N, C-alpha and C. Protein backbone atom coordinates (compact mmCIF):
# COMPACT_ATOMS: atom_id res chain seq x y z
N MET A 1 30.49 19.62 27.66
CA MET A 1 29.29 19.50 26.86
C MET A 1 28.11 19.20 27.78
N THR A 2 27.03 19.94 27.61
CA THR A 2 25.86 19.71 28.45
C THR A 2 24.94 18.70 27.81
N GLN A 3 24.33 17.90 28.64
CA GLN A 3 23.40 16.86 28.18
C GLN A 3 22.06 17.50 27.87
N THR A 4 21.45 17.13 26.73
CA THR A 4 20.12 17.61 26.38
C THR A 4 19.11 17.07 27.40
N PRO A 5 18.28 17.93 27.96
CA PRO A 5 17.29 17.45 28.92
C PRO A 5 16.41 16.37 28.29
N GLU A 6 16.01 15.39 29.09
CA GLU A 6 15.25 14.25 28.58
C GLU A 6 13.98 14.66 27.85
N ASN A 7 13.28 15.70 28.34
CA ASN A 7 12.04 16.11 27.69
C ASN A 7 12.27 16.82 26.36
N GLN A 8 13.52 17.10 25.99
CA GLN A 8 13.84 17.74 24.71
C GLN A 8 14.55 16.78 23.74
N GLN A 9 14.75 15.55 24.17
CA GLN A 9 15.43 14.58 23.31
C GLN A 9 14.47 14.08 22.24
N GLN A 10 14.96 14.06 21.00
CA GLN A 10 14.17 13.60 19.87
C GLN A 10 14.89 12.42 19.24
N TYR A 11 14.10 11.47 18.69
CA TYR A 11 14.68 10.26 18.12
C TYR A 11 14.17 10.06 16.70
N GLY A 12 15.04 9.51 15.87
CA GLY A 12 14.65 9.21 14.49
C GLY A 12 15.86 9.05 13.60
N SER A 13 15.61 9.00 12.30
CA SER A 13 16.66 8.80 11.30
C SER A 13 16.59 9.92 10.27
N ILE A 14 17.75 10.34 9.79
CA ILE A 14 17.80 11.37 8.75
C ILE A 14 18.78 10.95 7.65
N LEU A 15 18.49 11.41 6.46
CA LEU A 15 19.36 11.20 5.31
C LEU A 15 20.59 12.08 5.46
N THR A 16 21.78 11.53 5.22
CA THR A 16 22.99 12.34 5.29
C THR A 16 23.17 13.11 3.98
N VAL A 17 24.05 14.08 3.99
CA VAL A 17 24.38 14.82 2.76
C VAL A 17 24.96 13.85 1.73
N LEU A 18 25.83 12.92 2.17
CA LEU A 18 26.39 11.94 1.25
C LEU A 18 25.30 11.03 0.68
N GLY A 19 24.32 10.67 1.50
CA GLY A 19 23.21 9.85 1.04
C GLY A 19 22.37 10.59 0.00
N GLU A 20 22.07 11.84 0.27
CA GLU A 20 21.29 12.64 -0.67
C GLU A 20 22.04 12.80 -1.99
N ASN A 21 23.35 13.08 -1.92
CA ASN A 21 24.15 13.22 -3.14
C ASN A 21 24.19 11.92 -3.93
N ALA A 22 24.32 10.79 -3.25
CA ALA A 22 24.35 9.49 -3.93
C ALA A 22 23.03 9.23 -4.64
N GLU A 23 21.91 9.57 -3.99
CA GLU A 23 20.61 9.37 -4.63
C GLU A 23 20.46 10.23 -5.88
N GLN A 24 20.85 11.48 -5.78
CA GLN A 24 20.73 12.37 -6.94
C GLN A 24 21.67 11.94 -8.07
N ASN A 25 22.93 11.64 -7.72
CA ASN A 25 23.90 11.20 -8.74
C ASN A 25 23.51 9.85 -9.32
N GLY A 26 22.97 8.96 -8.49
CA GLY A 26 22.54 7.66 -8.97
C GLY A 26 21.43 7.79 -10.00
N LYS A 27 20.51 8.69 -9.74
CA LYS A 27 19.41 8.93 -10.67
C LYS A 27 19.94 9.54 -11.98
N LEU A 28 20.82 10.52 -11.88
CA LEU A 28 21.36 11.18 -13.07
C LEU A 28 22.26 10.27 -13.90
N GLN A 29 23.09 9.46 -13.21
CA GLN A 29 24.07 8.62 -13.90
C GLN A 29 23.55 7.20 -14.17
N ASN A 30 22.33 6.92 -13.74
CA ASN A 30 21.75 5.59 -13.87
C ASN A 30 22.65 4.53 -13.21
N LYS A 31 23.12 4.86 -12.00
CA LYS A 31 23.94 3.92 -11.20
C LYS A 31 23.18 3.58 -9.94
N GLN A 32 23.48 2.40 -9.39
CA GLN A 32 22.72 1.92 -8.25
C GLN A 32 23.45 2.12 -6.92
N ILE A 33 22.65 2.24 -5.87
CA ILE A 33 23.14 2.32 -4.50
C ILE A 33 22.84 0.97 -3.85
N SER A 34 23.81 0.42 -3.17
CA SER A 34 23.64 -0.87 -2.50
C SER A 34 23.83 -0.69 -1.00
N PHE A 35 22.84 -1.15 -0.22
CA PHE A 35 22.93 -1.07 1.24
C PHE A 35 23.55 -2.35 1.77
N THR A 36 24.61 -2.23 2.54
CA THR A 36 25.39 -3.39 2.97
C THR A 36 25.24 -3.73 4.44
N HIS A 37 25.19 -2.73 5.32
CA HIS A 37 25.19 -2.97 6.77
C HIS A 37 24.36 -1.93 7.50
N ILE A 38 24.01 -2.27 8.73
CA ILE A 38 23.55 -1.28 9.69
C ILE A 38 24.63 -1.23 10.76
N ALA A 39 25.20 -0.05 10.95
CA ALA A 39 26.20 0.15 11.99
C ALA A 39 25.46 0.54 13.27
N ILE A 40 25.88 -0.03 14.39
CA ILE A 40 25.27 0.31 15.67
C ILE A 40 26.34 0.80 16.64
N GLY A 41 25.93 1.66 17.56
CA GLY A 41 26.86 2.16 18.56
C GLY A 41 26.12 2.52 19.83
N ASP A 42 26.89 2.77 20.88
CA ASP A 42 26.27 3.13 22.16
C ASP A 42 26.39 4.61 22.49
N ALA A 43 27.07 5.40 21.64
CA ALA A 43 27.24 6.85 21.88
C ALA A 43 27.77 7.13 23.27
N ASN A 44 28.59 6.19 23.79
CA ASN A 44 29.11 6.28 25.15
C ASN A 44 27.98 6.41 26.17
N ASP A 45 26.84 5.76 25.83
CA ASP A 45 25.63 5.72 26.65
C ASP A 45 25.11 7.12 27.00
N THR A 46 25.16 8.02 26.01
CA THR A 46 24.60 9.36 26.17
C THR A 46 23.70 9.66 24.97
N TYR A 47 22.85 10.66 25.12
CA TYR A 47 22.00 11.11 24.02
C TYR A 47 22.87 11.77 22.96
N VAL A 48 22.62 11.44 21.70
CA VAL A 48 23.33 12.08 20.60
C VAL A 48 22.31 12.43 19.52
N GLN A 49 22.42 13.62 18.97
CA GLN A 49 21.52 14.08 17.92
C GLN A 49 22.16 13.79 16.56
N PRO A 50 21.47 13.06 15.66
CA PRO A 50 22.05 12.79 14.33
C PRO A 50 22.30 14.09 13.56
N ASP A 51 23.31 14.06 12.70
CA ASP A 51 23.71 15.23 11.93
C ASP A 51 23.86 14.83 10.47
N ARG A 52 23.37 15.64 9.55
CA ARG A 52 23.42 15.30 8.12
C ARG A 52 24.84 15.19 7.57
N ILE A 53 25.81 15.78 8.23
CA ILE A 53 27.20 15.68 7.74
C ILE A 53 27.98 14.58 8.47
N GLN A 54 27.31 13.81 9.28
CA GLN A 54 27.93 12.76 10.09
C GLN A 54 28.50 11.66 9.19
N SER A 55 29.74 11.25 9.48
CA SER A 55 30.38 10.16 8.72
C SER A 55 30.88 9.05 9.65
N ASP A 56 30.71 9.21 10.95
CA ASP A 56 31.09 8.21 11.95
C ASP A 56 30.06 8.22 13.06
N LEU A 57 29.96 7.09 13.75
CA LEU A 57 29.17 7.07 14.98
C LEU A 57 30.06 7.54 16.13
N VAL A 58 29.47 8.00 17.20
CA VAL A 58 30.26 8.44 18.36
C VAL A 58 31.09 7.29 18.89
N ASN A 59 30.46 6.10 19.02
CA ASN A 59 31.18 4.91 19.49
C ASN A 59 30.58 3.67 18.81
N GLU A 60 31.06 3.40 17.60
CA GLU A 60 30.55 2.26 16.84
C GLU A 60 30.97 0.95 17.49
N LEU A 61 30.00 0.03 17.63
CA LEU A 61 30.26 -1.27 18.26
C LEU A 61 30.28 -2.41 17.25
N ALA A 62 29.47 -2.32 16.18
CA ALA A 62 29.40 -3.42 15.22
C ALA A 62 28.72 -2.96 13.94
N ARG A 63 28.95 -3.74 12.87
CA ARG A 63 28.22 -3.56 11.60
C ARG A 63 27.57 -4.90 11.28
N ILE A 64 26.26 -4.86 11.09
CA ILE A 64 25.48 -6.08 10.86
C ILE A 64 25.02 -6.08 9.41
N PRO A 65 25.25 -7.19 8.68
CA PRO A 65 24.82 -7.24 7.28
C PRO A 65 23.31 -7.05 7.13
N VAL A 66 22.94 -6.30 6.11
CA VAL A 66 21.54 -6.03 5.81
C VAL A 66 20.90 -7.28 5.24
N ASN A 67 19.66 -7.60 5.68
CA ASN A 67 18.97 -8.74 5.10
C ASN A 67 17.73 -8.34 4.31
N SER A 68 17.29 -7.07 4.40
CA SER A 68 16.21 -6.62 3.52
C SER A 68 16.24 -5.11 3.37
N VAL A 69 15.83 -4.67 2.19
CA VAL A 69 15.70 -3.25 1.86
C VAL A 69 14.37 -3.10 1.12
N ASP A 70 13.50 -2.23 1.61
CA ASP A 70 12.20 -2.04 0.98
C ASP A 70 11.91 -0.56 0.81
N VAL A 71 11.43 -0.19 -0.38
CA VAL A 71 10.97 1.17 -0.62
C VAL A 71 9.51 1.23 -0.19
N LEU A 72 9.19 2.18 0.69
CA LEU A 72 7.83 2.35 1.20
C LEU A 72 7.23 3.60 0.56
N GLN A 73 6.23 3.43 -0.27
CA GLN A 73 5.55 4.57 -0.87
C GLN A 73 4.07 4.20 -1.04
N PRO A 74 3.27 4.46 0.01
CA PRO A 74 1.87 4.02 0.00
C PRO A 74 1.05 4.55 -1.17
N THR A 75 1.30 5.80 -1.58
CA THR A 75 0.58 6.38 -2.71
C THR A 75 1.59 7.04 -3.64
N PRO A 76 1.23 7.20 -4.93
CA PRO A 76 2.16 7.84 -5.87
C PRO A 76 2.56 9.26 -5.46
N ASN A 77 1.71 9.94 -4.69
CA ASN A 77 1.99 11.32 -4.28
C ASN A 77 2.71 11.43 -2.95
N SER A 78 2.90 10.31 -2.25
CA SER A 78 3.56 10.37 -0.93
C SER A 78 5.08 10.40 -1.09
N VAL A 79 5.72 10.87 -0.05
CA VAL A 79 7.19 10.93 -0.03
C VAL A 79 7.73 9.51 0.13
N PRO A 80 8.68 9.09 -0.74
CA PRO A 80 9.21 7.73 -0.58
C PRO A 80 10.08 7.61 0.66
N MET A 81 9.97 6.46 1.31
CA MET A 81 10.80 6.17 2.48
C MET A 81 11.48 4.83 2.22
N LEU A 82 12.59 4.62 2.90
CA LEU A 82 13.33 3.38 2.75
C LEU A 82 13.38 2.68 4.10
N LYS A 83 13.12 1.37 4.09
CA LYS A 83 13.25 0.57 5.31
C LYS A 83 14.41 -0.40 5.09
N VAL A 84 15.43 -0.28 5.94
CA VAL A 84 16.61 -1.15 5.88
C VAL A 84 16.59 -1.98 7.15
N GLU A 85 16.77 -3.30 7.00
CA GLU A 85 16.62 -4.19 8.14
C GLU A 85 17.80 -5.17 8.24
N ALA A 86 18.18 -5.51 9.46
CA ALA A 86 19.23 -6.49 9.72
C ALA A 86 18.87 -7.25 10.99
N ILE A 87 19.35 -8.48 11.09
CA ILE A 87 19.12 -9.30 12.29
C ILE A 87 20.42 -9.36 13.08
N LEU A 88 20.35 -8.94 14.33
CA LEU A 88 21.53 -8.93 15.19
C LEU A 88 22.00 -10.36 15.44
N PRO A 89 23.25 -10.70 15.09
CA PRO A 89 23.74 -12.06 15.34
C PRO A 89 23.78 -12.38 16.84
N ASP A 90 23.68 -13.67 17.16
CA ASP A 90 23.66 -14.10 18.55
C ASP A 90 24.87 -13.65 19.35
N HIS A 91 26.04 -13.58 18.71
CA HIS A 91 27.25 -13.27 19.45
C HIS A 91 27.38 -11.77 19.78
N ILE A 92 26.51 -10.95 19.23
CA ILE A 92 26.55 -9.52 19.56
C ILE A 92 25.45 -9.27 20.59
N ASN A 93 25.86 -9.16 21.85
CA ASN A 93 24.90 -9.00 22.94
C ASN A 93 25.58 -8.32 24.13
N ASP A 94 24.82 -8.14 25.18
CA ASP A 94 25.30 -7.47 26.40
C ASP A 94 25.84 -6.09 26.06
N LEU A 95 25.03 -5.32 25.33
CA LEU A 95 25.43 -3.97 24.93
C LEU A 95 24.23 -3.05 24.88
N VAL A 96 24.53 -1.77 24.79
CA VAL A 96 23.52 -0.72 24.71
C VAL A 96 23.56 -0.14 23.30
N ILE A 97 22.39 0.09 22.70
CA ILE A 97 22.31 0.73 21.39
C ILE A 97 21.64 2.09 21.58
N ARG A 98 22.33 3.15 21.12
CA ARG A 98 21.77 4.50 21.19
C ARG A 98 21.92 5.25 19.87
N GLU A 99 22.70 4.66 18.92
CA GLU A 99 22.92 5.31 17.64
C GLU A 99 23.08 4.25 16.56
N PHE A 100 22.80 4.61 15.32
CA PHE A 100 22.89 3.65 14.23
C PHE A 100 23.04 4.37 12.90
N ALA A 101 23.42 3.63 11.87
CA ALA A 101 23.57 4.21 10.53
C ALA A 101 23.33 3.15 9.48
N ALA A 102 22.74 3.55 8.35
CA ALA A 102 22.61 2.68 7.18
C ALA A 102 23.87 2.86 6.35
N VAL A 103 24.66 1.80 6.22
CA VAL A 103 25.91 1.85 5.48
C VAL A 103 25.61 1.42 4.04
N ALA A 104 26.07 2.21 3.08
CA ALA A 104 25.80 1.92 1.67
C ALA A 104 27.08 2.05 0.84
N GLU A 105 26.99 1.53 -0.40
CA GLU A 105 28.08 1.66 -1.37
C GLU A 105 27.52 2.32 -2.62
N PHE A 106 28.29 3.29 -3.12
CA PHE A 106 27.94 3.96 -4.38
C PHE A 106 29.23 4.40 -5.05
N ASN A 107 29.36 4.11 -6.34
CA ASN A 107 30.56 4.48 -7.10
C ASN A 107 31.84 3.99 -6.42
N GLY A 108 31.79 2.81 -5.82
CA GLY A 108 32.97 2.23 -5.19
C GLY A 108 33.31 2.80 -3.82
N GLN A 109 32.47 3.68 -3.29
CA GLN A 109 32.71 4.30 -1.98
C GLN A 109 31.71 3.77 -0.96
N THR A 110 32.19 3.50 0.25
CA THR A 110 31.33 3.10 1.36
C THR A 110 31.12 4.33 2.24
N TYR A 111 29.87 4.56 2.64
CA TYR A 111 29.55 5.78 3.39
C TYR A 111 28.28 5.55 4.20
N PHE A 112 27.96 6.49 5.10
CA PHE A 112 26.71 6.46 5.86
C PHE A 112 25.64 7.15 5.02
N HIS A 113 24.63 6.39 4.60
CA HIS A 113 23.55 6.95 3.79
C HIS A 113 22.55 7.69 4.67
N ALA A 114 22.31 7.15 5.84
CA ALA A 114 21.40 7.77 6.82
C ALA A 114 21.93 7.46 8.21
N VAL A 115 21.64 8.34 9.14
CA VAL A 115 22.04 8.13 10.53
C VAL A 115 20.83 8.34 11.43
N GLY A 116 20.89 7.75 12.62
CA GLY A 116 19.77 7.90 13.54
C GLY A 116 20.17 7.68 14.97
N ASN A 117 19.20 7.94 15.85
CA ASN A 117 19.40 7.71 17.28
C ASN A 117 18.13 7.10 17.85
N ASN A 118 18.23 6.58 19.02
CA ASN A 118 17.06 5.98 19.68
C ASN A 118 17.23 6.09 21.19
N ALA A 119 16.10 5.89 21.87
CA ALA A 119 16.17 5.81 23.33
C ALA A 119 17.01 4.59 23.68
N ARG A 120 17.57 4.58 24.85
CA ARG A 120 18.49 3.52 25.28
C ARG A 120 17.85 2.14 25.18
N ILE A 121 18.48 1.26 24.39
CA ILE A 121 18.04 -0.13 24.26
C ILE A 121 19.18 -1.03 24.73
N TYR A 122 18.89 -1.88 25.71
CA TYR A 122 19.88 -2.83 26.19
C TYR A 122 19.61 -4.19 25.56
N VAL A 123 20.64 -4.78 24.94
CA VAL A 123 20.54 -6.13 24.37
C VAL A 123 21.22 -7.07 25.34
N PRO A 124 20.44 -7.89 26.07
CA PRO A 124 21.02 -8.76 27.10
C PRO A 124 21.72 -9.97 26.49
N PRO A 125 22.59 -10.61 27.26
CA PRO A 125 23.19 -11.86 26.80
C PRO A 125 22.14 -12.96 26.79
N PRO A 126 22.36 -14.03 26.01
CA PRO A 126 21.39 -15.14 26.01
C PRO A 126 21.29 -15.74 27.41
N VAL A 127 20.12 -16.25 27.76
CA VAL A 127 19.93 -16.88 29.07
C VAL A 127 20.11 -18.38 28.95
N ASN A 128 20.27 -19.04 30.09
CA ASN A 128 20.37 -20.49 30.14
C ASN A 128 21.53 -20.99 29.27
N ASN A 129 22.73 -20.42 29.51
CA ASN A 129 23.94 -20.81 28.77
C ASN A 129 23.80 -20.67 27.27
N GLY A 130 23.04 -19.67 26.83
CA GLY A 130 22.92 -19.41 25.41
C GLY A 130 21.88 -20.25 24.70
N ASN A 131 21.14 -21.08 25.42
CA ASN A 131 20.13 -21.94 24.78
C ASN A 131 18.82 -21.22 24.50
N VAL A 132 18.56 -20.11 25.19
CA VAL A 132 17.33 -19.36 24.96
C VAL A 132 17.72 -17.98 24.44
N ARG A 133 17.34 -17.70 23.22
CA ARG A 133 17.73 -16.45 22.58
C ARG A 133 16.55 -15.89 21.81
N THR A 134 16.28 -14.64 21.98
CA THR A 134 15.24 -13.96 21.21
C THR A 134 15.93 -13.13 20.14
N PRO A 135 15.66 -13.42 18.85
CA PRO A 135 16.31 -12.64 17.79
C PRO A 135 15.96 -11.16 17.89
N VAL A 136 16.94 -10.30 17.66
CA VAL A 136 16.75 -8.85 17.69
C VAL A 136 16.85 -8.35 16.26
N THR A 137 15.79 -7.68 15.78
CA THR A 137 15.79 -7.12 14.44
C THR A 137 16.05 -5.63 14.53
N LEU A 138 17.02 -5.16 13.75
CA LEU A 138 17.33 -3.74 13.65
C LEU A 138 16.63 -3.21 12.41
N GLU A 139 15.89 -2.12 12.57
CA GLU A 139 15.14 -1.57 11.44
C GLU A 139 15.31 -0.07 11.40
N MET A 140 15.72 0.44 10.24
CA MET A 140 15.84 1.88 10.02
C MET A 140 14.83 2.29 8.96
N ILE A 141 14.09 3.36 9.20
CA ILE A 141 13.18 3.92 8.20
C ILE A 141 13.52 5.40 8.08
N PHE A 142 13.73 5.84 6.83
CA PHE A 142 14.06 7.24 6.61
C PHE A 142 13.56 7.69 5.24
N VAL A 143 13.33 8.99 5.11
CA VAL A 143 12.86 9.59 3.86
C VAL A 143 14.00 9.58 2.85
N ILE A 144 13.67 9.27 1.59
CA ILE A 144 14.66 9.33 0.52
C ILE A 144 14.19 10.33 -0.53
N THR A 145 15.13 10.81 -1.34
CA THR A 145 14.77 11.78 -2.38
C THR A 145 14.31 11.11 -3.65
N SER A 146 14.81 9.89 -3.90
CA SER A 146 14.44 9.16 -5.11
C SER A 146 14.62 7.67 -4.89
N ALA A 147 13.63 6.90 -5.30
CA ALA A 147 13.71 5.45 -5.14
C ALA A 147 14.42 4.78 -6.32
N GLU A 148 14.64 5.51 -7.40
CA GLU A 148 15.18 4.91 -8.62
C GLU A 148 16.54 4.23 -8.46
N PRO A 149 17.53 4.85 -7.78
CA PRO A 149 18.83 4.18 -7.75
C PRO A 149 18.98 3.13 -6.65
N ILE A 150 17.94 2.90 -5.84
CA ILE A 150 18.04 2.01 -4.69
C ILE A 150 18.00 0.55 -5.13
N VAL A 151 18.98 -0.23 -4.68
CA VAL A 151 19.00 -1.66 -4.95
C VAL A 151 18.27 -2.37 -3.83
N GLU A 152 17.25 -3.13 -4.18
CA GLU A 152 16.54 -3.90 -3.17
C GLU A 152 17.20 -5.27 -3.06
N ILE A 153 17.16 -5.85 -1.87
CA ILE A 153 17.78 -7.15 -1.60
C ILE A 153 17.04 -8.23 -2.37
N ASP A 154 17.79 -9.21 -2.89
CA ASP A 154 17.23 -10.35 -3.61
C ASP A 154 16.28 -11.11 -2.68
N PRO A 155 14.99 -11.23 -3.03
CA PRO A 155 14.04 -11.92 -2.15
C PRO A 155 14.29 -13.42 -2.05
N HIS A 156 15.15 -13.98 -2.91
CA HIS A 156 15.45 -15.41 -2.87
C HIS A 156 16.54 -15.74 -1.86
N VAL A 157 17.19 -14.71 -1.29
CA VAL A 157 18.21 -14.93 -0.27
C VAL A 157 17.51 -14.87 1.09
N VAL A 158 17.72 -15.88 1.89
CA VAL A 158 17.04 -15.97 3.17
C VAL A 158 18.07 -16.00 4.29
N THR A 159 17.82 -15.22 5.35
CA THR A 159 18.66 -15.24 6.53
C THR A 159 17.88 -15.92 7.65
N ALA A 160 18.53 -16.85 8.34
CA ALA A 160 17.87 -17.56 9.43
C ALA A 160 18.63 -17.32 10.73
N SER A 161 17.89 -17.24 11.83
CA SER A 161 18.54 -17.09 13.13
C SER A 161 19.13 -18.43 13.55
N ARG A 162 20.11 -18.37 14.43
CA ARG A 162 20.72 -19.59 14.96
C ARG A 162 19.67 -20.44 15.67
N GLU A 163 18.72 -19.77 16.36
CA GLU A 163 17.66 -20.48 17.07
C GLU A 163 16.82 -21.30 16.09
N TRP A 164 16.44 -20.71 14.94
CA TRP A 164 15.63 -21.42 13.96
C TRP A 164 16.39 -22.62 13.40
N VAL A 165 17.67 -22.40 13.04
CA VAL A 165 18.49 -23.48 12.48
C VAL A 165 18.65 -24.60 13.50
N SER A 166 18.90 -24.24 14.76
CA SER A 166 19.04 -25.27 15.81
C SER A 166 17.75 -26.04 15.98
N GLY A 167 16.62 -25.36 15.89
CA GLY A 167 15.33 -26.02 16.02
C GLY A 167 15.06 -27.00 14.88
N LYS A 168 15.54 -26.67 13.69
CA LYS A 168 15.29 -27.52 12.52
C LYS A 168 16.35 -28.62 12.35
N PHE A 169 17.62 -28.30 12.71
CA PHE A 169 18.71 -29.22 12.41
C PHE A 169 19.49 -29.68 13.63
N GLY A 170 19.04 -29.32 14.83
CA GLY A 170 19.76 -29.70 16.04
C GLY A 170 20.86 -28.70 16.36
N HIS A 171 21.72 -29.04 17.29
CA HIS A 171 22.80 -28.16 17.73
C HIS A 171 23.68 -27.76 16.53
N VAL A 172 23.93 -26.47 16.39
CA VAL A 172 24.70 -25.96 15.26
C VAL A 172 26.19 -26.04 15.56
N THR A 173 26.91 -26.75 14.70
CA THR A 173 28.37 -26.87 14.80
C THR A 173 28.95 -26.43 13.47
N PRO A 174 30.27 -26.23 13.38
CA PRO A 174 30.86 -25.89 12.07
C PRO A 174 30.52 -26.93 11.01
N THR A 175 30.46 -28.23 11.38
CA THR A 175 30.11 -29.27 10.41
C THR A 175 28.67 -29.09 9.93
N THR A 176 27.75 -28.78 10.85
CA THR A 176 26.36 -28.55 10.48
C THR A 176 26.27 -27.39 9.50
N LEU A 177 27.01 -26.31 9.78
CA LEU A 177 26.98 -25.15 8.89
C LEU A 177 27.53 -25.50 7.51
N ASP A 178 28.61 -26.29 7.44
CA ASP A 178 29.15 -26.71 6.15
C ASP A 178 28.12 -27.54 5.39
N ASN A 179 27.41 -28.43 6.09
CA ASN A 179 26.37 -29.23 5.44
C ASN A 179 25.24 -28.37 4.92
N LEU A 180 24.84 -27.33 5.69
CA LEU A 180 23.78 -26.44 5.24
C LEU A 180 24.21 -25.64 4.03
N LYS A 181 25.48 -25.20 3.99
CA LYS A 181 25.98 -24.46 2.83
C LYS A 181 25.97 -25.36 1.60
N THR A 182 26.38 -26.62 1.76
CA THR A 182 26.37 -27.57 0.65
C THR A 182 24.94 -27.78 0.16
N LEU A 183 23.99 -27.95 1.08
CA LEU A 183 22.59 -28.12 0.73
C LEU A 183 22.09 -26.91 -0.06
N SER A 184 22.47 -25.71 0.39
CA SER A 184 22.05 -24.48 -0.28
C SER A 184 22.58 -24.43 -1.71
N VAL A 185 23.85 -24.80 -1.90
CA VAL A 185 24.45 -24.79 -3.24
C VAL A 185 23.75 -25.80 -4.14
N ILE A 186 23.44 -26.99 -3.61
CA ILE A 186 22.76 -28.02 -4.40
C ILE A 186 21.38 -27.51 -4.83
N GLN A 187 20.66 -26.85 -3.91
CA GLN A 187 19.32 -26.36 -4.23
C GLN A 187 19.34 -25.24 -5.26
N LYS A 188 20.43 -24.49 -5.35
CA LYS A 188 20.50 -23.36 -6.28
C LYS A 188 20.98 -23.75 -7.67
N ARG A 189 21.52 -24.98 -7.83
CA ARG A 189 22.02 -25.40 -9.13
C ARG A 189 20.88 -25.49 -10.14
N PRO A 190 21.12 -24.98 -11.37
CA PRO A 190 20.08 -25.09 -12.39
C PRO A 190 19.89 -26.54 -12.78
N ARG A 191 18.65 -26.87 -13.06
CA ARG A 191 18.35 -28.25 -13.46
C ARG A 191 18.41 -28.33 -14.98
N GLY A 192 19.10 -29.36 -15.47
CA GLY A 192 19.29 -29.45 -16.90
C GLY A 192 18.66 -30.62 -17.42
């Protein structure tokens, strides 16, 4: 297989055939699509062109839970786009990202709703024994056929980086995490 010359390499995200079908069927059947993860891979550190029939990454490294989904439609006449976002956990580092996919669920099936590629991005390990970490946000934006069946993430659910939690609550240990979960449950209880 010959490598695409660098000056001919194109980057971006495209809707898969399965994604397009889910959007159309979701609209017709009044069923919702839920975005669960962003899958990332290194494509064996080579250029890869996304394909609408793609159902796997060339070399998937991880799936990161989605923390926000937003429909972008600046004007009523513009083409709707979807922005899916996830925060790379601290323990996923020292890797190259060259390919990605928006993982969704529809009618009980998990599939790639959209796939994409990017120029080589290296995610370094934390410096200073893991005490200094810059959060990495993964963001996919792609055109959709219909915004109606798309489930947006609950805005009341908040994801925090380990750095933020450590800054607010000190060194994070399993006990600290259990205490934060308990605090979260107490705050969500209805008041009677």
